[in-house]
Amino acid sequence: RQNLEKHIPFLGRKNNGKKFPVELSLDVVRLGDAELGILVICDVTERSQIEQELQEAHEKLRERVRERTRELSLTNRRLQREIVAGRQREEDLHFLRDIVRSSDVAIIGRTLDGTVVSWNPAARRLSGYSAKEIMGKSILTIVAPERMAEARKLMVKARRGERLDHVDGVLL
């Protein structure tokens, strides 16, 4: 007996001339001494439509994956640049911190209301206050009583964002 092809895609034609997809299955069977050929014709219109829809959905999904991959790649590159820039800013801050720490000039950081937030070693040598003692307190703590009015005026100018020129005077 021969092995015949099964499930052959084919186009059928209806009596109105319209074509539609079919699948042919051919086989030979033996009935007693006779061999019979069997042809099965199956309308696969619905299956073909589903396969087409699946193929289109698959292609849309593939395109969305490509698009999302591009987006993620761009985001990844942007984040890498930000990381490099952040590391550079961190290095710059460490450099500036080292400059402030090693300076022979008292460098004091304070909020606009006068609360001390940073205090370098030179400020300690100048004032006698350690950073632990002064941090969180008013900068007015180190101002001599007779200079208090002048110091308050300077703080008002600073809060308004005005430039403060070099001021000579006795703080302690």
N, C-alpha and C. Protein backbone atom coordinates (compact mmCIF):
# COMPACT_ATOMS: atom_id res chain seq x y z
N ARG A 1 0.84 -1.19 0.00
CA ARG A 1 0.00 0.00 0.00
C ARG A 1 0.88 1.24 0.00
N GLN A 2 0.50 2.27 -0.72
CA GLN A 2 1.24 3.52 -0.79
C GLN A 2 0.85 4.44 0.36
N ASN A 3 1.84 5.25 0.79
CA ASN A 3 1.53 6.32 1.74
C ASN A 3 1.13 7.53 0.93
N LEU A 4 -0.10 7.93 1.04
CA LEU A 4 -0.57 9.09 0.31
C LEU A 4 -0.52 10.33 1.21
N GLU A 5 -0.43 11.50 0.56
CA GLU A 5 -0.39 12.73 1.34
C GLU A 5 -1.72 12.95 2.01
N LYS A 6 -1.63 13.49 3.22
CA LYS A 6 -2.84 13.84 3.97
C LYS A 6 -2.79 15.32 4.30
N HIS A 7 -3.91 15.89 4.47
CA HIS A 7 -4.02 17.30 4.87
C HIS A 7 -3.34 18.24 3.89
N ILE A 8 -3.79 18.21 2.65
CA ILE A 8 -3.24 19.05 1.60
C ILE A 8 -4.07 20.33 1.54
N PRO A 9 -3.41 21.51 1.68
CA PRO A 9 -4.19 22.74 1.57
C PRO A 9 -4.60 22.95 0.11
N PHE A 10 -5.81 23.46 -0.06
CA PHE A 10 -6.35 23.59 -1.40
C PHE A 10 -7.41 24.68 -1.37
N LEU A 11 -7.77 25.20 -2.53
CA LEU A 11 -8.88 26.14 -2.61
C LEU A 11 -10.07 25.44 -3.24
N GLY A 12 -11.19 25.50 -2.54
CA GLY A 12 -12.42 24.95 -3.10
C GLY A 12 -13.20 26.09 -3.76
N ARG A 13 -14.22 25.71 -4.52
CA ARG A 13 -15.03 26.73 -5.17
C ARG A 13 -16.49 26.35 -4.99
N LYS A 14 -17.26 27.31 -4.50
CA LYS A 14 -18.69 27.09 -4.30
C LYS A 14 -19.41 27.25 -5.64
N ASN A 15 -20.66 26.87 -5.66
CA ASN A 15 -21.40 26.95 -6.92
C ASN A 15 -21.60 28.39 -7.39
N ASN A 16 -21.43 29.37 -6.50
CA ASN A 16 -21.53 30.77 -6.91
C ASN A 16 -20.17 31.31 -7.40
N GLY A 17 -19.13 30.45 -7.42
CA GLY A 17 -17.81 30.82 -7.92
C GLY A 17 -16.86 31.33 -6.84
N LYS A 18 -17.37 31.53 -5.65
CA LYS A 18 -16.53 32.05 -4.57
C LYS A 18 -15.58 30.96 -4.09
N LYS A 19 -14.30 31.33 -3.94
CA LYS A 19 -13.29 30.38 -3.49
C LYS A 19 -13.21 30.41 -1.97
N PHE A 20 -12.83 29.27 -1.40
CA PHE A 20 -12.66 29.17 0.04
C PHE A 20 -11.61 28.11 0.33
N PRO A 21 -10.91 28.25 1.48
CA PRO A 21 -9.83 27.30 1.79
C PRO A 21 -10.40 25.97 2.28
N VAL A 22 -9.80 24.92 1.76
CA VAL A 22 -10.17 23.58 2.21
C VAL A 22 -8.89 22.80 2.46
N GLU A 23 -9.06 21.70 3.15
CA GLU A 23 -7.94 20.80 3.37
C GLU A 23 -8.38 19.43 2.86
N LEU A 24 -7.54 18.86 2.00
CA LEU A 24 -7.86 17.55 1.43
C LEU A 24 -7.07 16.50 2.17
N SER A 25 -7.73 15.41 2.44
CA SER A 25 -7.05 14.25 3.02
C SER A 25 -7.34 13.08 2.09
N LEU A 26 -6.29 12.42 1.66
CA LEU A 26 -6.42 11.28 0.76
C LEU A 26 -5.93 10.04 1.49
N ASP A 27 -6.65 8.94 1.26
CA ASP A 27 -6.19 7.68 1.83
C ASP A 27 -6.77 6.54 1.00
N VAL A 28 -6.16 5.40 1.10
CA VAL A 28 -6.63 4.19 0.42
C VAL A 28 -6.92 3.18 1.51
N VAL A 29 -8.09 2.56 1.41
CA VAL A 29 -8.43 1.51 2.37
C VAL A 29 -8.75 0.24 1.59
N ARG A 30 -8.52 -0.87 2.18
CA ARG A 30 -8.81 -2.16 1.56
C ARG A 30 -10.08 -2.71 2.21
N LEU A 31 -11.00 -3.06 1.39
CA LEU A 31 -12.23 -3.73 1.83
C LEU A 31 -12.29 -5.06 1.08
N GLY A 32 -11.92 -6.08 1.80
CA GLY A 32 -11.85 -7.38 1.14
C GLY A 32 -10.76 -7.36 0.09
N ASP A 33 -11.14 -7.68 -1.16
CA ASP A 33 -10.16 -7.68 -2.23
C ASP A 33 -10.08 -6.32 -2.92
N ALA A 34 -10.96 -5.40 -2.56
CA ALA A 34 -11.01 -4.12 -3.26
C ALA A 34 -10.26 -3.04 -2.47
N GLU A 35 -9.61 -2.17 -3.21
CA GLU A 35 -9.01 -0.98 -2.62
C GLU A 35 -9.86 0.21 -2.99
N LEU A 36 -10.15 1.00 -1.99
CA LEU A 36 -10.97 2.19 -2.24
C LEU A 36 -10.17 3.44 -1.88
N GLY A 37 -10.31 4.45 -2.68
CA GLY A 37 -9.69 5.75 -2.37
C GLY A 37 -10.71 6.60 -1.63
N ILE A 38 -10.25 7.21 -0.57
CA ILE A 38 -11.13 8.07 0.21
C ILE A 38 -10.58 9.49 0.14
N LEU A 39 -11.44 10.41 -0.22
CA LEU A 39 -11.08 11.82 -0.27
C LEU A 39 -11.97 12.54 0.74
N VAL A 40 -11.35 13.19 1.69
CA VAL A 40 -12.09 13.97 2.68
C VAL A 40 -11.77 15.43 2.42
N ILE A 41 -12.81 16.23 2.26
CA ILE A 41 -12.64 17.67 2.03
C ILE A 41 -13.21 18.39 3.25
N CYS A 42 -12.36 19.20 3.87
CA CYS A 42 -12.76 19.90 5.10
C CYS A 42 -12.64 21.40 4.86
N ASP A 43 -13.72 22.14 5.11
CA ASP A 43 -13.70 23.61 5.00
C ASP A 43 -12.89 24.15 6.19
N VAL A 44 -11.80 24.84 5.89
CA VAL A 44 -10.94 25.36 6.95
C VAL A 44 -10.96 26.90 6.97
N THR A 45 -12.06 27.46 6.50
CA THR A 45 -12.19 28.92 6.45
C THR A 45 -11.99 29.53 7.84
N GLU A 46 -12.72 29.01 8.81
CA GLU A 46 -12.63 29.56 10.17
C GLU A 46 -11.22 29.38 10.74
N ARG A 47 -10.66 28.19 10.55
CA ARG A 47 -9.31 27.94 11.06
C ARG A 47 -8.30 28.86 10.38
N SER A 48 -8.46 29.07 9.05
CA SER A 48 -7.56 29.97 8.32
C SER A 48 -7.67 31.40 8.84
N GLN A 49 -8.90 31.83 9.12
CA GLN A 49 -9.09 33.18 9.67
C GLN A 49 -8.43 33.30 11.05
N ILE A 50 -8.61 32.29 11.88
CA ILE A 50 -8.00 32.29 13.22
C ILE A 50 -6.48 32.29 13.10
N GLU A 51 -5.95 31.46 12.18
CA GLU A 51 -4.50 31.43 11.99
C GLU A 51 -3.99 32.78 11.51
N GLN A 52 -4.74 33.43 10.60
CA GLN A 52 -4.36 34.75 10.11
C GLN A 52 -4.38 35.77 11.24
N GLU A 53 -5.43 35.72 12.05
CA GLU A 53 -5.53 36.64 13.19
C GLU A 53 -4.39 36.40 14.18
N LEU A 54 -4.08 35.14 14.41
CA LEU A 54 -2.96 34.81 15.30
C LEU A 54 -1.64 35.32 14.74
N GLN A 55 -1.45 35.16 13.45
CA GLN A 55 -0.23 35.63 12.81
C GLN A 55 -0.12 37.15 12.91
N GLU A 56 -1.25 37.84 12.67
CA GLU A 56 -1.25 39.30 12.79
C GLU A 56 -0.99 39.73 14.23
N ALA A 57 -1.62 39.06 15.17
CA ALA A 57 -1.41 39.36 16.59
C ALA A 57 0.04 39.11 16.98
N HIS A 58 0.59 38.02 16.46
CA HIS A 58 1.99 37.69 16.74
C HIS A 58 2.91 38.78 16.19
N GLU A 59 2.62 39.26 14.98
CA GLU A 59 3.45 40.30 14.38
C GLU A 59 3.31 41.61 15.17
N LYS A 60 2.09 41.94 15.60
CA LYS A 60 1.89 43.13 16.42
C LYS A 60 2.66 43.01 17.74
N LEU A 61 2.60 41.84 18.33
CA LEU A 61 3.32 41.60 19.58
C LEU A 61 4.82 41.72 19.35
N ARG A 62 5.30 41.14 18.27
CA ARG A 62 6.73 41.22 17.94
C ARG A 62 7.14 42.69 17.77
N GLU A 63 6.30 43.49 17.10
CA GLU A 63 6.61 44.91 16.91
C GLU A 63 6.58 45.65 18.25
N ARG A 64 5.61 45.32 19.10
CA ARG A 64 5.56 45.95 20.43
C ARG A 64 6.79 45.59 21.25
N VAL A 65 7.25 44.35 21.14
CA VAL A 65 8.46 43.93 21.85
C VAL A 65 9.67 44.71 21.32
N ARG A 66 9.76 44.85 19.99
CA ARG A 66 10.87 45.63 19.42
C ARG A 66 10.82 47.08 19.89
N GLU A 67 9.61 47.66 19.87
CA GLU A 67 9.43 49.05 20.30
C GLU A 67 9.80 49.20 21.78
N ARG A 68 9.29 48.30 22.60
CA ARG A 68 9.58 48.36 24.05
C ARG A 68 11.06 48.14 24.31
N THR A 69 11.69 47.26 23.54
CA THR A 69 13.13 47.02 23.69
C THR A 69 13.90 48.29 23.36
N ARG A 70 13.48 48.99 22.29
CA ARG A 70 14.12 50.27 21.94
C ARG A 70 13.96 51.28 23.08
N GLU A 71 12.72 51.37 23.62
CA GLU A 71 12.46 52.30 24.73
C GLU A 71 13.34 51.96 25.93
N LEU A 72 13.39 50.68 26.27
CA LEU A 72 14.19 50.26 27.42
C LEU A 72 15.67 50.52 27.19
N SER A 73 16.11 50.33 25.96
CA SER A 73 17.51 50.60 25.63
C SER A 73 17.82 52.08 25.79
N LEU A 74 16.93 52.95 25.30
CA LEU A 74 17.13 54.39 25.46
C LEU A 74 17.11 54.78 26.94
N THR A 75 16.17 54.22 27.68
CA THR A 75 16.08 54.50 29.11
C THR A 75 17.33 54.02 29.83
N ASN A 76 17.81 52.85 29.46
CA ASN A 76 19.02 52.31 30.06
C ASN A 76 20.22 53.23 29.80
N ARG A 77 20.35 53.70 28.56
CA ARG A 77 21.46 54.61 28.24
C ARG A 77 21.35 55.92 29.02
N ARG A 78 20.10 56.44 29.13
CA ARG A 78 19.88 57.68 29.89
C ARG A 78 20.25 57.47 31.36
N LEU A 79 19.82 56.34 31.92
CA LEU A 79 20.14 56.05 33.33
C LEU A 79 21.64 55.88 33.53
N GLN A 80 22.31 55.26 32.58
CA GLN A 80 23.76 55.11 32.69
C GLN A 80 24.44 56.48 32.68
N ARG A 81 23.95 57.38 31.80
CA ARG A 81 24.52 58.74 31.78
C ARG A 81 24.26 59.45 33.11
N GLU A 82 23.05 59.27 33.66
CA GLU A 82 22.73 59.89 34.95
C GLU A 82 23.60 59.32 36.07
N ILE A 83 23.87 58.02 36.01
CA ILE A 83 24.74 57.40 37.02
C ILE A 83 26.14 58.00 36.93
N VAL A 84 26.65 58.12 35.71
CA VAL A 84 27.98 58.71 35.53
C VAL A 84 27.99 60.15 36.03
N ALA A 85 26.95 60.91 35.68
CA ALA A 85 26.87 62.30 36.12
C ALA A 85 26.75 62.37 37.64
N GLY A 86 25.97 61.46 38.23
CA GLY A 86 25.83 61.41 39.69
C GLY A 86 27.15 61.10 40.37
N ARG A 87 27.89 60.16 39.80
CA ARG A 87 29.21 59.83 40.35
C ARG A 87 30.14 61.04 40.27
N GLN A 88 30.06 61.76 39.13
CA GLN A 88 30.90 62.96 38.98
C GLN A 88 30.50 64.01 40.00
N ARG A 89 29.17 64.21 40.20
CA ARG A 89 28.73 65.18 41.22
C ARG A 89 29.21 64.77 42.60
N GLU A 90 29.15 63.47 42.88
CA GLU A 90 29.60 62.96 44.17
C GLU A 90 31.10 63.21 44.35
N GLU A 91 31.88 62.96 43.31
CA GLU A 91 33.32 63.22 43.37
C GLU A 91 33.57 64.71 43.58
N ASP A 92 32.80 65.55 42.86
CA ASP A 92 32.95 67.00 43.01
C ASP A 92 32.63 67.43 44.44
N LEU A 93 31.54 66.86 45.00
CA LEU A 93 31.17 67.20 46.38
C LEU A 93 32.24 66.77 47.37
N HIS A 94 32.80 65.58 47.17
CA HIS A 94 33.88 65.13 48.05
C HIS A 94 35.09 66.06 47.94
N PHE A 95 35.38 66.49 46.73
CA PHE A 95 36.50 67.39 46.51
C PHE A 95 36.26 68.71 47.25
N LEU A 96 35.04 69.26 47.07
CA LEU A 96 34.72 70.51 47.75
C LEU A 96 34.71 70.34 49.27
N ARG A 97 34.19 69.20 49.74
CA ARG A 97 34.20 68.91 51.18
C ARG A 97 35.63 68.90 51.71
N ASP A 98 36.53 68.28 50.96
CA ASP A 98 37.93 68.22 51.38
C ASP A 98 38.55 69.62 51.41
N ILE A 99 38.17 70.45 50.44
CA ILE A 99 38.67 71.83 50.43
C ILE A 99 38.19 72.57 51.68
N VAL A 100 36.89 72.45 51.97
CA VAL A 100 36.32 73.14 53.14
C VAL A 100 36.96 72.64 54.42
N ARG A 101 37.13 71.33 54.53
CA ARG A 101 37.74 70.76 55.74
C ARG A 101 39.18 71.20 55.93
N SER A 102 39.92 71.34 54.84
CA SER A 102 41.34 71.66 54.96
C SER A 102 41.61 73.16 54.96
N SER A 103 40.59 73.97 54.76
CA SER A 103 40.78 75.42 54.69
C SER A 103 41.16 75.98 56.05
N ASP A 104 41.99 77.02 56.03
CA ASP A 104 42.33 77.75 57.26
C ASP A 104 41.30 78.83 57.56
N VAL A 105 40.32 78.97 56.67
CA VAL A 105 39.26 79.96 56.83
C VAL A 105 38.03 79.27 57.39
N ALA A 106 37.38 79.90 58.38
CA ALA A 106 36.15 79.33 58.94
C ALA A 106 35.07 79.38 57.86
N ILE A 107 34.53 78.23 57.53
CA ILE A 107 33.44 78.14 56.55
C ILE A 107 32.26 77.52 57.27
N ILE A 108 31.18 78.30 57.35
CA ILE A 108 30.01 77.91 58.13
C ILE A 108 28.81 77.87 57.19
N GLY A 109 28.11 76.77 57.19
CA GLY A 109 26.87 76.67 56.42
C GLY A 109 25.70 76.90 57.36
N ARG A 110 24.72 77.67 56.88
CA ARG A 110 23.55 77.92 57.72
C ARG A 110 22.32 78.08 56.84
N THR A 111 21.18 77.86 57.45
CA THR A 111 19.92 78.07 56.75
C THR A 111 19.62 79.56 56.72
N LEU A 112 18.60 79.97 55.98
CA LEU A 112 18.26 81.40 55.92
C LEU A 112 17.80 81.95 57.26
N ASP A 113 17.29 81.08 58.12
CA ASP A 113 16.89 81.58 59.45
C ASP A 113 18.06 81.61 60.43
N GLY A 114 19.25 81.19 59.97
CA GLY A 114 20.44 81.29 60.79
C GLY A 114 20.85 80.02 61.51
N THR A 115 20.19 78.90 61.27
CA THR A 115 20.54 77.65 61.92
C THR A 115 21.80 77.07 61.28
N VAL A 116 22.79 76.75 62.10
CA VAL A 116 24.06 76.22 61.60
C VAL A 116 23.86 74.78 61.14
N VAL A 117 24.29 74.50 59.89
CA VAL A 117 24.15 73.15 59.33
C VAL A 117 25.49 72.54 58.93
N SER A 118 26.54 73.36 58.86
CA SER A 118 27.87 72.80 58.64
C SER A 118 28.90 73.71 59.31
N TRP A 119 30.01 73.09 59.69
CA TRP A 119 30.99 73.78 60.53
C TRP A 119 32.33 73.13 60.28
N ASN A 120 33.25 73.84 59.65
CA ASN A 120 34.53 73.21 59.33
C ASN A 120 35.51 73.32 60.50
N PRO A 121 36.62 72.58 60.45
CA PRO A 121 37.60 72.62 61.55
C PRO A 121 38.14 74.03 61.83
N ALA A 122 38.29 74.87 60.81
CA ALA A 122 38.78 76.23 61.04
C ALA A 122 37.77 77.03 61.87
N ALA A 123 36.47 76.77 61.68
CA ALA A 123 35.45 77.45 62.49
C ALA A 123 35.59 77.04 63.95
N ARG A 124 35.94 75.79 64.18
CA ARG A 124 36.17 75.33 65.55
C ARG A 124 37.38 76.05 66.16
N ARG A 125 38.46 76.12 65.37
CA ARG A 125 39.67 76.78 65.89
C ARG A 125 39.40 78.25 66.19
N LEU A 126 38.60 78.90 65.33
CA LEU A 126 38.32 80.33 65.49
C LEU A 126 37.40 80.59 66.68
N SER A 127 36.34 79.77 66.81
CA SER A 127 35.31 80.05 67.81
C SER A 127 35.45 79.27 69.10
N GLY A 128 36.10 78.12 69.04
CA GLY A 128 36.18 77.25 70.22
C GLY A 128 35.02 76.28 70.30
N TYR A 129 33.99 76.44 69.45
CA TYR A 129 32.85 75.53 69.44
C TYR A 129 33.15 74.35 68.52
N SER A 130 32.85 73.14 68.98
CA SER A 130 32.96 71.99 68.09
C SER A 130 31.72 71.95 67.21
N ALA A 131 31.80 71.22 66.13
CA ALA A 131 30.64 71.09 65.24
C ALA A 131 29.45 70.51 66.01
N LYS A 132 29.71 69.54 66.87
CA LYS A 132 28.64 68.90 67.64
C LYS A 132 27.94 69.91 68.55
N GLU A 133 28.72 70.84 69.12
CA GLU A 133 28.15 71.84 70.04
C GLU A 133 27.30 72.88 69.33
N ILE A 134 27.64 73.23 68.08
CA ILE A 134 27.00 74.36 67.41
C ILE A 134 25.95 73.96 66.38
N MET A 135 26.09 72.77 65.82
CA MET A 135 25.15 72.36 64.75
C MET A 135 23.72 72.37 65.29
N GLY A 136 22.81 72.94 64.49
CA GLY A 136 21.40 73.02 64.86
C GLY A 136 21.08 74.25 65.70
N LYS A 137 22.09 74.99 66.11
CA LYS A 137 21.87 76.22 66.88
C LYS A 137 21.96 77.43 65.96
N SER A 138 21.56 78.58 66.48
CA SER A 138 21.60 79.81 65.71
C SER A 138 23.02 80.30 65.54
N ILE A 139 23.31 80.85 64.38
CA ILE A 139 24.62 81.45 64.12
C ILE A 139 24.87 82.62 65.06
N LEU A 140 23.77 83.19 65.58
CA LEU A 140 23.89 84.32 66.49
C LEU A 140 24.59 83.92 67.79
N THR A 141 24.71 82.62 68.03
CA THR A 141 25.41 82.12 69.21
C THR A 141 26.85 82.64 69.25
N ILE A 142 27.46 82.82 68.09
CA ILE A 142 28.87 83.23 68.05
C ILE A 142 29.05 84.73 67.83
N VAL A 143 27.94 85.49 67.81
CA VAL A 143 28.02 86.92 67.58
C VAL A 143 28.16 87.65 68.92
N ALA A 144 29.10 88.59 68.97
CA ALA A 144 29.29 89.39 70.18
C ALA A 144 28.02 90.22 70.42
N PRO A 145 27.59 90.37 71.66
CA PRO A 145 26.34 91.09 71.97
C PRO A 145 26.27 92.48 71.33
N GLU A 146 27.37 93.19 71.29
CA GLU A 146 27.35 94.55 70.73
C GLU A 146 27.20 94.56 69.21
N ARG A 147 27.34 93.39 68.54
CA ARG A 147 27.22 93.29 67.08
C ARG A 147 25.92 92.58 66.67
N MET A 148 25.06 92.26 67.64
CA MET A 148 23.84 91.48 67.38
C MET A 148 22.91 92.20 66.37
N ALA A 149 22.68 93.52 66.54
CA ALA A 149 21.78 94.25 65.64
C ALA A 149 22.31 94.20 64.21
N GLU A 150 23.61 94.40 64.05
CA GLU A 150 24.23 94.36 62.73
C GLU A 150 24.10 92.96 62.12
N ALA A 151 24.30 91.92 62.92
CA ALA A 151 24.20 90.53 62.44
C ALA A 151 22.78 90.23 61.99
N ARG A 152 21.80 90.72 62.75
CA ARG A 152 20.40 90.48 62.36
C ARG A 152 20.08 91.15 61.02
N LYS A 153 20.60 92.37 60.81
CA LYS A 153 20.39 93.06 59.53
C LYS A 153 21.00 92.26 58.38
N LEU A 154 22.18 91.73 58.61
CA LEU A 154 22.82 90.92 57.58
C LEU A 154 22.00 89.67 57.26
N MET A 155 21.41 89.07 58.29
CA MET A 155 20.57 87.87 58.07
C MET A 155 19.33 88.22 57.25
N VAL A 156 18.73 89.39 57.50
CA VAL A 156 17.56 89.84 56.73
C VAL A 156 17.96 90.02 55.26
N LYS A 157 19.11 90.65 55.02
CA LYS A 157 19.59 90.84 53.64
C LYS A 157 19.79 89.48 52.96
N ALA A 158 20.36 88.55 53.67
CA ALA A 158 20.61 87.22 53.11
C ALA A 158 19.29 86.54 52.76
N ARG A 159 18.29 86.66 53.64
CA ARG A 159 16.97 86.05 53.36
C ARG A 159 16.33 86.65 52.12
N ARG A 160 16.57 87.93 51.87
CA ARG A 160 16.01 88.58 50.68
C ARG A 160 16.81 88.26 49.43
N GLY A 161 17.94 87.57 49.61
CA GLY A 161 18.77 87.19 48.47
C GLY A 161 19.73 88.28 48.04
N GLU A 162 19.92 89.28 48.88
CA GLU A 162 20.85 90.37 48.55
C GLU A 162 22.28 89.90 48.75
N ARG A 163 23.17 90.47 47.97
CA ARG A 163 24.59 90.13 48.09
C ARG A 163 25.15 90.79 49.35
N LEU A 164 25.94 90.01 50.08
CA LEU A 164 26.59 90.53 51.28
C LEU A 164 28.05 90.77 50.95
N ASP A 165 28.45 92.00 51.05
CA ASP A 165 29.86 92.33 50.83
C ASP A 165 30.65 91.91 52.05
N HIS A 166 31.94 91.96 51.91
CA HIS A 166 32.85 91.58 53.00
C HIS A 166 32.54 92.44 54.22
N VAL A 167 32.38 91.78 55.35
CA VAL A 167 32.06 92.50 56.59
C VAL A 167 33.20 92.27 57.57
N ASP A 168 33.80 93.33 58.04
CA ASP A 168 34.83 93.23 59.08
C ASP A 168 34.15 93.45 60.42
N GLY A 169 34.58 92.74 61.39
CA GLY A 169 34.02 92.98 62.71
C GLY A 169 34.37 91.89 63.67
N VAL A 170 33.98 92.10 64.89
CA VAL A 170 34.22 91.15 65.96
C VAL A 170 32.97 90.31 66.13
N LEU A 171 33.12 89.01 66.00
CA LEU A 171 31.97 88.13 66.18
C LEU A 171 31.86 87.67 67.62
N LEU A 172 32.96 87.31 68.19
CA LEU A 172 32.93 86.68 69.50
C LEU A 172 33.25 87.65 70.60
